[in-house]
Amino acid sequence: MKPPPFDYVAAATLDEALEALADISVEARPLAGGQSFVPMLNFRLAEPERLVDLNGIEALSRVEETEDGGLLLGAMTRLSALERDPFIGRRIPLLAEAARFIAHPQIRSRGTVGGSVAHADPAAELPAVLLTLGARVRLTRRARDGESGSRVERTLDLGDFFLGPFFSALEPGELLTAIEVPPSAPREGTAFEEVARRRGDYALAGVAARVRLNSSGVCDDAAISLVNGGSTPCLMREAAQTLVGEKPTPEAIEAAAAACAETAEPAADMHATEEYRRHLIRVLTERVLWRAYHPRTAEHGLTADS
């Protein structure tokens, strides 16, 4: 199929893009990597009157260290950079680990971090991973009459950004411009795993985990998020909370995995039943928690039963 007709704007600067998106009387949509949006156009699932191409805006592709040692990822940062950029890998290892599970190399070479997050797909890996890391999103629009400056920017916790399947807190005329990722903490471990029918397919289920131990070897912070575990990319707060105040014993890990599987809301489809997805969530949660708690033994193939 062919896409519907639209006006095309190739923005060279952020201000040009915001200007093109500002007229809310015209249905305008930004084009980032296009790996999800272009198929939607071709199937007429989206019919914007104006398409604003962001690929010429170099400022949106920057990757910088923040003042606190975290990362600032421009919205047009390619998914392949998460996998290949050694600076990102050293700062936030979970991004590099999870990136290789995202679709295929050709998709990762064009897809962008901002596009993946803004798409708000509960079956996508990156939104779940960024939730686990406690990321925030920067949203920018052109200033309106009576507002000072040329732009208005707000920052949201990623957990407040996802409102439903393929539905986010982006307002008309607003553009996701950057993602802020907090720095890794001392004695913190992370891990990601998923199960898919074939490598590169959407995951039947996936789990990302982050845990932090205090000087006594007790967990004082934890986060678990799911891929395809509900109607939105979601943090499993109750399950993660069961780990806080506990040492990383097999019993604590099993309890958290059981809580995660019980409180998840996976949907059944032609590829997997709800029951099977819950089983995958429990098994994968045990695996990623063990690896996050014991990264050195996990590297040598050891498990909780070793």
C-alpha atoms as a PDB file:
ATOM      1  CA  MET A   1       0.000   0.000   0.000  1.00  0.00           C
ATOM      2  CA  LYS A   2       0.988   3.631  -0.408  1.00  0.00           C
ATOM      3  CA  PRO A   3       0.840   6.316   2.282  1.00  0.00           C
ATOM      4  CA  PRO A   4      -1.826   9.041   2.165  1.00  0.00           C
ATOM      5  CA  PRO A   5      -0.865  12.461   0.760  1.00  0.00           C
ATOM      6  CA  PHE A   6       0.792  14.891   3.173  1.00  0.00           C
ATOM      7  CA  ASP A   7       2.862  18.063   3.272  1.00  0.00           C
ATOM      8  CA  TYR A   8       6.523  17.287   3.952  1.00  0.00           C
ATOM      9  CA  VAL A   9       8.769  19.516   6.066  1.00  0.00           C
ATOM     10  CA  ALA A  10      12.494  18.663   6.311  1.00  0.00           C
ATOM     11  CA  ALA A  11      13.461  20.544   9.486  1.00  0.00           C
ATOM     12  CA  ALA A  12      17.109  21.579   9.780  1.00  0.00           C
ATOM     13  CA  THR A  13      16.815  22.944  13.328  1.00  0.00           C
ATOM     14  CA  LEU A  14      14.745  22.217  16.391  1.00  0.00           C
ATOM     15  CA  ASP A  15      13.017  25.586  16.111  1.00  0.00           C
ATOM     16  CA  GLU A  16      11.976  24.771  12.532  1.00  0.00           C
ATOM     17  CA  ALA A  17      10.493  21.475  13.687  1.00  0.00           C
ATOM     18  CA  LEU A  18       8.630  23.068  16.588  1.00  0.00           C
ATOM     19  CA  GLU A  19       7.303  25.781  14.266  1.00  0.00           C
ATOM     20  CA  ALA A  20       5.970  23.158  11.854  1.00  0.00           C
ATOM     21  CA  LEU A  21       4.330  21.236  14.702  1.00  0.00           C
ATOM     22  CA  ALA A  22       2.900  24.300  16.455  1.00  0.00           C
ATOM     23  CA  ASP A  23      -0.186  24.852  14.279  1.00  0.00           C
ATOM     24  CA  ILE A  24      -2.662  22.520  15.978  1.00  0.00           C
ATOM     25  CA  SER A  25      -5.270  23.207  13.258  1.00  0.00           C
ATOM     26  CA  VAL A  26      -3.139  20.946  11.054  1.00  0.00           C
ATOM     27  CA  GLU A  27      -2.567  17.335  12.050  1.00  0.00           C
ATOM     28  CA  ALA A  28       1.223  17.202  12.051  1.00  0.00           C
ATOM     29  CA  ARG A  29       3.408  14.265  13.048  1.00  0.00           C
ATOM     30  CA  PRO A  30       7.188  14.067  13.523  1.00  0.00           C
ATOM     31  CA  LEU A  31       9.226  11.505  11.589  1.00  0.00           C
ATOM     32  CA  ALA A  32      12.241  10.078  13.441  1.00  0.00           C
ATOM     33  CA  GLY A  33      13.570   6.655  12.402  1.00  0.00           C
ATOM     34  CA  GLY A  34      10.259   5.714  10.787  1.00  0.00           C
ATOM     35  CA  GLN A  35      10.587   2.008  11.602  1.00  0.00           C
ATOM     36  CA  SER A  36       7.104   1.896  13.164  1.00  0.00           C
ATOM     37  CA  PHE A  37       5.523   5.045  11.751  1.00  0.00           C
ATOM     38  CA  VAL A  38       6.156   4.455   8.030  1.00  0.00           C
ATOM     39  CA  PRO A  39       4.356   1.068   8.074  1.00  0.00           C
ATOM     40  CA  MET A  40       1.477   2.810   9.873  1.00  0.00           C
ATOM     41  CA  LEU A  41       1.359   5.353   7.039  1.00  0.00           C
ATOM     42  CA  ASN A  42       1.412   2.655   4.388  1.00  0.00           C
ATOM     43  CA  PHE A  43      -1.451   0.793   6.046  1.00  0.00           C
ATOM     44  CA  ARG A  44      -3.366   4.096   6.485  1.00  0.00           C
ATOM     45  CA  LEU A  45      -3.385   3.631  10.253  1.00  0.00           C
ATOM     46  CA  ALA A  46      -2.025   7.182  10.444  1.00  0.00           C
ATOM     47  CA  GLU A  47      -3.029   9.954   8.038  1.00  0.00           C
ATOM     48  CA  PRO A  48      -1.261  13.187   9.071  1.00  0.00           C
ATOM     49  CA  GLU A  49      -1.669  16.310   6.985  1.00  0.00           C
ATOM     50  CA  ARG A  50       1.940  17.284   7.639  1.00  0.00           C
ATOM     51  CA  LEU A  51       5.039  15.184   8.201  1.00  0.00           C
ATOM     52  CA  VAL A  52       7.961  16.871   9.963  1.00  0.00           C
ATOM     53  CA  ASP A  53      11.248  15.061   9.286  1.00  0.00           C
ATOM     54  CA  LEU A  54      13.691  15.325  12.231  1.00  0.00           C
ATOM     55  CA  ASN A  55      16.634  13.545  10.608  1.00  0.00           C
ATOM     56  CA  GLY A  56      18.435  16.760   9.649  1.00  0.00           C
ATOM     57  CA  ILE A  57      18.543  18.114  13.218  1.00  0.00           C
ATOM     58  CA  GLU A  58      22.031  17.286  14.490  1.00  0.00           C
ATOM     59  CA  ALA A  59      21.324  18.681  17.961  1.00  0.00           C
ATOM     60  CA  LEU A  60      18.824  15.898  18.591  1.00  0.00           C
ATOM     61  CA  SER A  61      21.470  13.196  18.070  1.00  0.00           C
ATOM     62  CA  ARG A  62      23.809  14.231  20.877  1.00  0.00           C
ATOM     63  CA  VAL A  63      24.873  11.876  23.653  1.00  0.00           C
ATOM     64  CA  GLU A  64      26.258  13.691  26.685  1.00  0.00           C
ATOM     65  CA  GLU A  65      27.243  13.017  30.263  1.00  0.00           C
ATOM     66  CA  THR A  66      25.059  14.893  32.734  1.00  0.00           C
ATOM     67  CA  GLU A  67      26.407  16.783  35.739  1.00  0.00           C
ATOM     68  CA  ASP A  68      25.567  13.881  38.056  1.00  0.00           C
ATOM     69  CA  GLY A  69      27.336  11.315  35.855  1.00  0.00           C
ATOM     70  CA  GLY A  70      24.257  10.032  34.052  1.00  0.00           C
ATOM     71  CA  LEU A  71      23.440  10.204  30.343  1.00  0.00           C
ATOM     72  CA  LEU A  72      21.499  12.616  28.186  1.00  0.00           C
ATOM     73  CA  LEU A  73      20.334  10.849  25.027  1.00  0.00           C
ATOM     74  CA  GLY A  74      19.083  13.069  22.233  1.00  0.00           C
ATOM     75  CA  ALA A  75      15.806  11.825  20.787  1.00  0.00           C
ATOM     76  CA  MET A  76      17.424  11.055  17.412  1.00  0.00           C
ATOM     77  CA  THR A  77      20.133   8.843  18.911  1.00  0.00           C
ATOM     78  CA  ARG A  78      20.017   5.628  16.893  1.00  0.00           C
ATOM     79  CA  LEU A  79      19.227   2.383  18.664  1.00  0.00           C
ATOM     80  CA  SER A  80      22.448   0.945  17.244  1.00  0.00           C
ATOM     81  CA  ALA A  81      24.421   3.499  19.275  1.00  0.00           C
ATOM     82  CA  LEU A  82      23.111   1.952  22.490  1.00  0.00           C
ATOM     83  CA  GLU A  83      24.588  -1.346  21.379  1.00  0.00           C
ATOM     84  CA  ARG A  84      27.886  -0.112  19.917  1.00  0.00           C
ATOM     85  CA  ASP A  85      28.899   3.124  21.616  1.00  0.00           C
ATOM     86  CA  PRO A  86      31.472   2.212  24.315  1.00  0.00           C
ATOM     87  CA  PHE A  87      30.721   5.434  26.218  1.00  0.00           C
ATOM     88  CA  ILE A  88      27.071   4.413  26.637  1.00  0.00           C
ATOM     89  CA  GLY A  89      28.057   0.847  27.476  1.00  0.00           C
ATOM     90  CA  ARG A  90      30.412   1.942  30.247  1.00  0.00           C
ATOM     91  CA  ARG A  91      27.962   4.407  31.765  1.00  0.00           C
ATOM     92  CA  ILE A  92      24.730   2.402  31.515  1.00  0.00           C
ATOM     93  CA  PRO A  93      25.509  -1.285  30.763  1.00  0.00           C
ATOM     94  CA  LEU A  94      21.826  -2.291  30.750  1.00  0.00           C
ATOM     95  CA  LEU A  95      21.184  -0.181  27.645  1.00  0.00           C
ATOM     96  CA  ALA A  96      23.920  -1.986  25.732  1.00  0.00           C
ATOM     97  CA  GLU A  97      22.755  -5.396  26.936  1.00  0.00           C
ATOM     98  CA  ALA A  98      19.111  -4.878  26.015  1.00  0.00           C
ATOM     99  CA  ALA A  99      19.699  -3.077  22.705  1.00  0.00           C
ATOM    100  CA  ARG A 100      20.827  -6.239  20.918  1.00  0.00           C
ATOM    101  CA  PHE A 101      17.375  -7.748  21.521  1.00  0.00           C
ATOM    102  CA  ILE A 102      15.607  -4.921  19.671  1.00  0.00           C
ATOM    103  CA  ALA A 103      14.441  -6.181  16.270  1.00  0.00           C
ATOM    104  CA  HIS A 104      17.251  -6.629  13.714  1.00  0.00           C
ATOM    105  CA  PRO A 105      20.492  -4.711  13.002  1.00  0.00           C
ATOM    106  CA  GLN A 106      18.897  -2.938  10.027  1.00  0.00           C
ATOM    107  CA  ILE A 107      16.070  -1.678  12.230  1.00  0.00           C
ATOM    108  CA  ARG A 108      18.449  -0.585  14.986  1.00  0.00           C
ATOM    109  CA  SER A 109      20.559   1.367  12.487  1.00  0.00           C
ATOM    110  CA  ARG A 110      17.596   3.643  11.658  1.00  0.00           C
ATOM    111  CA  GLY A 111      15.307   3.437  14.690  1.00  0.00           C
ATOM    112  CA  THR A 112      15.750   6.100  17.370  1.00  0.00           C
ATOM    113  CA  VAL A 113      15.466   6.150  21.142  1.00  0.00           C
ATOM    114  CA  GLY A 114      12.996   9.029  21.035  1.00  0.00           C
ATOM    115  CA  GLY A 115      10.834   7.348  18.448  1.00  0.00           C
ATOM    116  CA  SER A 116      10.744   4.100  20.411  1.00  0.00           C
ATOM    117  CA  VAL A 117       9.746   5.846  23.624  1.00  0.00           C
ATOM    118  CA  ALA A 118       7.195   8.170  22.008  1.00  0.00           C
ATOM    119  CA  HIS A 119       5.575   5.211  20.228  1.00  0.00           C
ATOM    120  CA  ALA A 120       4.685   3.834  23.695  1.00  0.00           C
ATOM    121  CA  ASP A 121       4.507   0.215  22.563  1.00  0.00           C
ATOM    122  CA  PRO A 122       4.146  -2.158  25.551  1.00  0.00           C
ATOM    123  CA  ALA A 123       5.907  -4.844  23.480  1.00  0.00           C
ATOM    124  CA  ALA A 124       9.040  -2.726  22.923  1.00  0.00           C
ATOM    125  CA  GLU A 125      12.218  -3.363  24.896  1.00  0.00           C
ATOM    126  CA  LEU A 126      13.587   0.161  25.293  1.00  0.00           C
ATOM    127  CA  PRO A 127      10.648   1.732  27.203  1.00  0.00           C
ATOM    128  CA  ALA A 128      10.760  -1.078  29.771  1.00  0.00           C
ATOM    129  CA  VAL A 129      14.530  -0.810  30.188  1.00  0.00           C
ATOM    130  CA  LEU A 130      14.403   2.964  30.617  1.00  0.00           C
ATOM    131  CA  LEU A 131      11.642   2.590  33.207  1.00  0.00           C
ATOM    132  CA  THR A 132      13.883   0.237  35.183  1.00  0.00           C
ATOM    133  CA  LEU A 133      16.680   2.811  35.051  1.00  0.00           C
ATOM    134  CA  GLY A 134      14.445   5.600  36.373  1.00  0.00           C
ATOM    135  CA  ALA A 135      14.699   7.688  33.191  1.00  0.00           C
ATOM    136  CA  ARG A 136      12.967  10.996  32.513  1.00  0.00           C
ATOM    137  CA  VAL A 137      11.858  12.537  29.224  1.00  0.00           C
ATOM    138  CA  ARG A 138      12.233  16.130  28.048  1.00  0.00           C
ATOM    139  CA  LEU A 139       9.253  17.448  26.099  1.00  0.00           C
ATOM    140  CA  THR A 140       9.538  20.697  24.159  1.00  0.00           C
ATOM    141  CA  ARG A 141       7.120  22.940  22.238  1.00  0.00           C
ATOM    142  CA  ARG A 142       7.171  26.405  20.739  1.00  0.00           C
ATOM    143  CA  ALA A 143       6.275  29.186  23.159  1.00  0.00           C
ATOM    144  CA  ARG A 144       2.801  30.613  22.735  1.00  0.00           C
ATOM    145  CA  ASP A 145       1.670  34.207  22.986  1.00  0.00           C
ATOM    146  CA  GLY A 146       2.388  35.591  26.436  1.00  0.00           C
ATOM    147  CA  GLU A 147       5.059  32.990  27.254  1.00  0.00           C
ATOM    148  CA  SER A 148       8.680  34.090  27.602  1.00  0.00           C
ATOM    149  CA  GLY A 149      11.422  32.726  25.357  1.00  0.00           C
ATOM    150  CA  SER A 150      11.041  30.820  22.109  1.00  0.00           C
ATOM    151  CA  ARG A 151      10.510  27.346  23.627  1.00  0.00           C
ATOM    152  CA  VAL A 152       8.734  25.799  26.577  1.00  0.00           C
ATOM    153  CA  GLU A 153      10.228  22.627  28.067  1.00  0.00           C
ATOM    154  CA  ARG A 154       8.958  20.230  30.703  1.00  0.00           C
ATOM    155  CA  THR A 155      10.411  17.043  32.149  1.00  0.00           C
ATOM    156  CA  LEU A 156       8.406  13.972  33.122  1.00  0.00           C
ATOM    157  CA  ASP A 157       9.271  10.762  34.905  1.00  0.00           C
ATOM    158  CA  LEU A 158       8.942   8.042  32.301  1.00  0.00           C
ATOM    159  CA  GLY A 159       6.360   6.263  34.464  1.00  0.00           C
ATOM    160  CA  ASP A 160       4.079   9.294  34.070  1.00  0.00           C
ATOM    161  CA  PHE A 161       4.653   9.475  30.318  1.00  0.00           C
ATOM    162  CA  PHE A 162       2.983   6.220  29.277  1.00  0.00           C
ATOM    163  CA  LEU A 163      -0.810   6.539  29.513  1.00  0.00           C
ATOM    164  CA  GLY A 164      -1.975   3.550  27.479  1.00  0.00           C
ATOM    165  CA  PRO A 165      -1.027   1.325  24.545  1.00  0.00           C
ATOM    166  CA  PHE A 166       0.551   3.625  21.929  1.00  0.00           C
ATOM    167  CA  PHE A 167      -0.667   6.610  23.960  1.00  0.00           C
ATOM    168  CA  SER A 168       1.557   9.025  25.857  1.00  0.00           C
ATOM    169  CA  ALA A 169       1.488  12.365  27.666  1.00  0.00           C
ATOM    170  CA  LEU A 170       2.752  14.231  24.589  1.00  0.00           C
ATOM    171  CA  GLU A 171       0.516  17.227  23.930  1.00  0.00           C
ATOM    172  CA  PRO A 172      -0.323  18.680  20.487  1.00  0.00           C
ATOM    173  CA  GLY A 173       2.672  20.580  19.129  1.00  0.00           C
ATOM    174  CA  GLU A 174       5.023  18.965  21.636  1.00  0.00           C
ATOM    175  CA  LEU A 175       8.145  16.999  20.734  1.00  0.00           C
ATOM    176  CA  LEU A 176      10.144  14.504  22.771  1.00  0.00           C
ATOM    177  CA  THR A 177      13.640  15.951  22.497  1.00  0.00           C
ATOM    178  CA  ALA A 178      15.804  14.023  24.989  1.00  0.00           C
ATOM    179  CA  ILE A 179      15.900  11.254  27.572  1.00  0.00           C
ATOM    180  CA  GLU A 180      17.740  11.650  30.866  1.00  0.00           C
ATOM    181  CA  VAL A 181      19.143   8.460  32.404  1.00  0.00           C
ATOM    182  CA  PRO A 182      20.434   8.592  36.004  1.00  0.00           C
ATOM    183  CA  PRO A 183      23.958   7.307  36.690  1.00  0.00           C
ATOM    184  CA  SER A 184      24.579   3.771  37.873  1.00  0.00           C
ATOM    185  CA  ALA A 185      25.089   3.581  41.629  1.00  0.00           C
ATOM    186  CA  PRO A 186      27.840   1.708  43.504  1.00  0.00           C
ATOM    187  CA  ARG A 187      26.938  -1.936  44.264  1.00  0.00           C
ATOM    188  CA  GLU A 188      24.196  -1.794  41.630  1.00  0.00           C
ATOM    189  CA  GLY A 189      23.493  -4.607  39.187  1.00  0.00           C
ATOM    190  CA  THR A 190      21.245  -4.832  36.138  1.00  0.00           C
ATOM    191  CA  ALA A 191      20.112  -7.484  33.689  1.00  0.00           C
ATOM    192  CA  PHE A 192      17.675  -8.061  30.826  1.00  0.00           C
ATOM    193  CA  GLU A 193      16.257 -11.184  29.193  1.00  0.00           C
ATOM    194  CA  GLU A 194      13.384 -11.984  26.868  1.00  0.00           C
ATOM    195  CA  VAL A 195      11.826 -14.917  25.022  1.00  0.00           C
ATOM    196  CA  ALA A 196      10.705 -14.514  21.408  1.00  0.00           C
ATOM    197  CA  ARG A 197       9.534 -16.993  18.779  1.00  0.00           C
ATOM    198  CA  ARG A 198      12.474 -15.983  16.584  1.00  0.00           C
ATOM    199  CA  ARG A 199      15.377 -13.622  17.166  1.00  0.00           C
ATOM    200  CA  GLY A 200      14.174 -10.147  16.228  1.00  0.00           C
ATOM    201  CA  ASP A 201      10.468 -10.886  16.709  1.00  0.00           C
ATOM    202  CA  TYR A 202       8.449  -9.082  19.338  1.00  0.00           C
ATOM    203  CA  ALA A 203       9.056 -10.735  22.689  1.00  0.00           C
ATOM    204  CA  LEU A 204       6.451 -13.069  24.102  1.00  0.00           C
ATOM    205  CA  ALA A 205       7.683 -11.658  27.394  1.00  0.00           C
ATOM    206  CA  GLY A 206      10.728  -9.820  28.641  1.00  0.00           C
ATOM    207  CA  VAL A 207      12.034  -8.594  31.999  1.00  0.00           C
ATOM    208  CA  ALA A 208      14.508  -5.882  32.984  1.00  0.00           C
ATOM    209  CA  ALA A 209      15.810  -5.581  36.545  1.00  0.00           C
ATOM    210  CA  ARG A 210      17.960  -3.235  38.579  1.00  0.00           C
ATOM    211  CA  VAL A 211      19.030  -3.944  42.179  1.00  0.00           C
ATOM    212  CA  ARG A 212      21.301  -2.142  44.631  1.00  0.00           C
ATOM    213  CA  LEU A 213      22.923  -3.538  47.759  1.00  0.00           C
ATOM    214  CA  ASN A 214      24.049  -1.555  50.770  1.00  0.00           C
ATOM    215  CA  SER A 215      27.348  -2.143  52.557  1.00  0.00           C
ATOM    216  CA  SER A 216      25.760  -4.969  54.584  1.00  0.00           C
ATOM    217  CA  GLY A 217      24.717  -6.877  51.472  1.00  0.00           C
ATOM    218  CA  VAL A 218      21.022  -6.028  51.882  1.00  0.00           C
ATOM    219  CA  CYS A 219      18.949  -4.702  48.997  1.00  0.00           C
ATOM    220  CA  ASP A 220      18.005  -1.069  49.543  1.00  0.00           C
ATOM    221  CA  ASP A 221      16.600  -0.312  46.094  1.00  0.00           C
ATOM    222  CA  ALA A 222      15.136  -2.374  43.260  1.00  0.00           C
ATOM    223  CA  ALA A 223      13.173  -1.964  40.039  1.00  0.00           C
ATOM    224  CA  ILE A 224      11.605  -4.537  37.725  1.00  0.00           C
ATOM    225  CA  SER A 225       9.818  -3.808  34.456  1.00  0.00           C
ATOM    226  CA  LEU A 226       8.131  -5.971  31.840  1.00  0.00           C
ATOM    227  CA  VAL A 227       8.001  -6.213  28.086  1.00  0.00           C
ATOM    228  CA  ASN A 228       4.556  -7.369  26.923  1.00  0.00           C
ATOM    229  CA  GLY A 229       3.395  -7.675  30.521  1.00  0.00           C
ATOM    230  CA  GLY A 230       0.485  -5.239  30.339  1.00  0.00           C
ATOM    231  CA  SER A 231      -1.241  -2.559  28.292  1.00  0.00           C
ATOM    232  CA  THR A 232       1.641  -0.115  28.827  1.00  0.00           C
ATOM    233  CA  PRO A 233       5.360  -0.388  29.532  1.00  0.00           C
ATOM    234  CA  CYS A 234       5.107  -0.950  33.262  1.00  0.00           C
ATOM    235  CA  LEU A 235       7.136  -1.041  36.456  1.00  0.00           C
ATOM    236  CA  MET A 236       6.322  -3.890  38.825  1.00  0.00           C
ATOM    237  CA  ARG A 237       6.595  -1.835  41.989  1.00  0.00           C
ATOM    238  CA  GLU A 238       5.027  -4.329  44.403  1.00  0.00           C
ATOM    239  CA  ALA A 239       7.271  -7.155  43.244  1.00  0.00           C
ATOM    240  CA  ALA A 240      10.388  -4.994  43.452  1.00  0.00           C
ATOM    241  CA  GLN A 241       9.442  -3.804  46.922  1.00  0.00           C
ATOM    242  CA  THR A 242       9.540  -7.384  48.241  1.00  0.00           C
ATOM    243  CA  LEU A 243      13.311  -7.339  47.649  1.00  0.00           C
ATOM    244  CA  VAL A 244      14.001  -4.195  49.679  1.00  0.00           C
ATOM    245  CA  GLY A 245      15.384  -5.017  53.118  1.00  0.00           C
ATOM    246  CA  GLU A 246      16.259  -8.567  52.075  1.00  0.00           C
ATOM    247  CA  LYS A 247      19.537 -10.245  51.229  1.00  0.00           C
ATOM    248  CA  PRO A 248      19.728 -11.748  47.702  1.00  0.00           C
ATOM    249  CA  THR A 249      18.748 -15.274  48.683  1.00  0.00           C
ATOM    250  CA  PRO A 250      17.082 -17.736  46.302  1.00  0.00           C
ATOM    251  CA  GLU A 251      13.952 -17.479  48.468  1.00  0.00           C
ATOM    252  CA  ALA A 252      13.789 -13.673  48.109  1.00  0.00           C
ATOM    253  CA  ILE A 253      14.304 -13.904  44.361  1.00  0.00           C
ATOM    254  CA  GLU A 254      11.628 -16.584  43.981  1.00  0.00           C
ATOM    255  CA  ALA A 255       9.163 -14.532  46.027  1.00  0.00           C
ATOM    256  CA  ALA A 256       9.738 -11.443  43.883  1.00  0.00           C
ATOM    257  CA  ALA A 257       9.373 -13.475  40.680  1.00  0.00           C
ATOM    258  CA  ALA A 258       6.112 -14.993  41.909  1.00  0.00           C
ATOM    259  CA  ALA A 259       4.771 -11.554  42.843  1.00  0.00           C
ATOM    260  CA  CYS A 260       5.777 -10.228  39.443  1.00  0.00           C
ATOM    261  CA  ALA A 261       3.963 -13.014  37.589  1.00  0.00           C
ATOM    262  CA  GLU A 262       0.888 -12.682  39.792  1.00  0.00           C
ATOM    263  CA  THR A 263       0.464  -8.902  39.414  1.00  0.00           C
ATOM    264  CA  ALA A 264       1.342  -8.687  35.710  1.00  0.00           C
ATOM    265  CA  GLU A 265      -1.462  -8.217  33.189  1.00  0.00           C
ATOM    266  CA  PRO A 266      -0.291  -9.990  30.028  1.00  0.00           C
ATOM    267  CA  ALA A 267      -2.751 -10.473  27.189  1.00  0.00           C
ATOM    268  CA  ALA A 268      -3.377 -13.689  25.295  1.00  0.00           C
ATOM    269  CA  ASP A 269      -2.960 -13.742  21.528  1.00  0.00           C
ATOM    270  CA  MET A 270      -2.286 -16.184  18.694  1.00  0.00           C
ATOM    271  CA  HIS A 271       1.326 -16.616  19.895  1.00  0.00           C
ATOM    272  CA  ALA A 272       0.894 -17.273  23.632  1.00  0.00           C
ATOM    273  CA  THR A 273      -1.756 -17.713  26.276  1.00  0.00           C
ATOM    274  CA  GLU A 274      -1.946 -15.481  29.323  1.00  0.00           C
ATOM    275  CA  GLU A 275      -0.920 -18.419  31.500  1.00  0.00           C
ATOM    276  CA  TYR A 276       2.181 -19.092  29.402  1.00  0.00           C
ATOM    277  CA  ARG A 277       3.194 -15.447  29.487  1.00  0.00           C
ATOM    278  CA  ARG A 278       2.873 -15.416  33.283  1.00  0.00           C
ATOM    279  CA  HIS A 279       5.089 -18.503  33.418  1.00  0.00           C
ATOM    280  CA  LEU A 280       7.691 -16.757  31.241  1.00  0.00           C
ATOM    281  CA  ILE A 281       7.556 -13.646  33.419  1.00  0.00           C
ATOM    282  CA  ARG A 282       8.210 -15.677  36.561  1.00  0.00           C
ATOM    283  CA  VAL A 283      11.110 -17.622  35.043  1.00  0.00           C
ATOM    284  CA  LEU A 284      12.699 -14.592  33.403  1.00  0.00           C
ATOM    285  CA  THR A 285      12.365 -12.524  36.570  1.00  0.00           C
ATOM    286  CA  GLU A 286      14.241 -15.160  38.541  1.00  0.00           C
ATOM    287  CA  ARG A 287      16.981 -15.214  35.922  1.00  0.00           C
ATOM    288  CA  VAL A 288      17.495 -11.462  35.643  1.00  0.00           C
ATOM    289  CA  LEU A 289      17.411 -10.930  39.404  1.00  0.00           C
ATOM    290  CA  TRP A 290      20.022 -13.624  39.924  1.00  0.00           C
ATOM    291  CA  ARG A 291      22.215 -12.095  37.225  1.00  0.00           C
ATOM    292  CA  ALA A 292      21.733  -8.571  38.575  1.00  0.00           C
ATOM    293  CA  TYR A 293      22.674  -9.678  42.084  1.00  0.00           C
ATOM    294  CA  HIS A 294      25.555 -11.920  41.012  1.00  0.00           C
ATOM    295  CA  PRO A 295      27.027 -10.531  37.758  1.00  0.00           C
ATOM    296  CA  ARG A 296      30.359 -12.321  38.093  1.00  0.00           C
ATOM    297  CA  THR A 297      28.945 -15.788  38.704  1.00  0.00           C
ATOM    298  CA  ALA A 298      26.311 -15.223  35.996  1.00  0.00           C
ATOM    299  CA  GLU A 299      29.080 -14.559  33.471  1.00  0.00           C
ATOM    300  CA  HIS A 300      30.360 -18.096  34.087  1.00  0.00           C
ATOM    301  CA  GLY A 301      26.969 -19.707  33.610  1.00  0.00           C
ATOM    302  CA  LEU A 302      26.263 -20.320  37.286  1.00  0.00           C
ATOM    303  CA  THR A 303      22.716 -20.206  38.612  1.00  0.00           C
ATOM    304  CA  ALA A 304      20.975 -20.073  41.936  1.00  0.00           C
ATOM    305  CA  ASP A 305      21.132 -23.862  42.040  1.00  0.00           C
ATOM    306  CA  SER A 306      24.877 -24.032  41.347  1.00  0.00           C
END
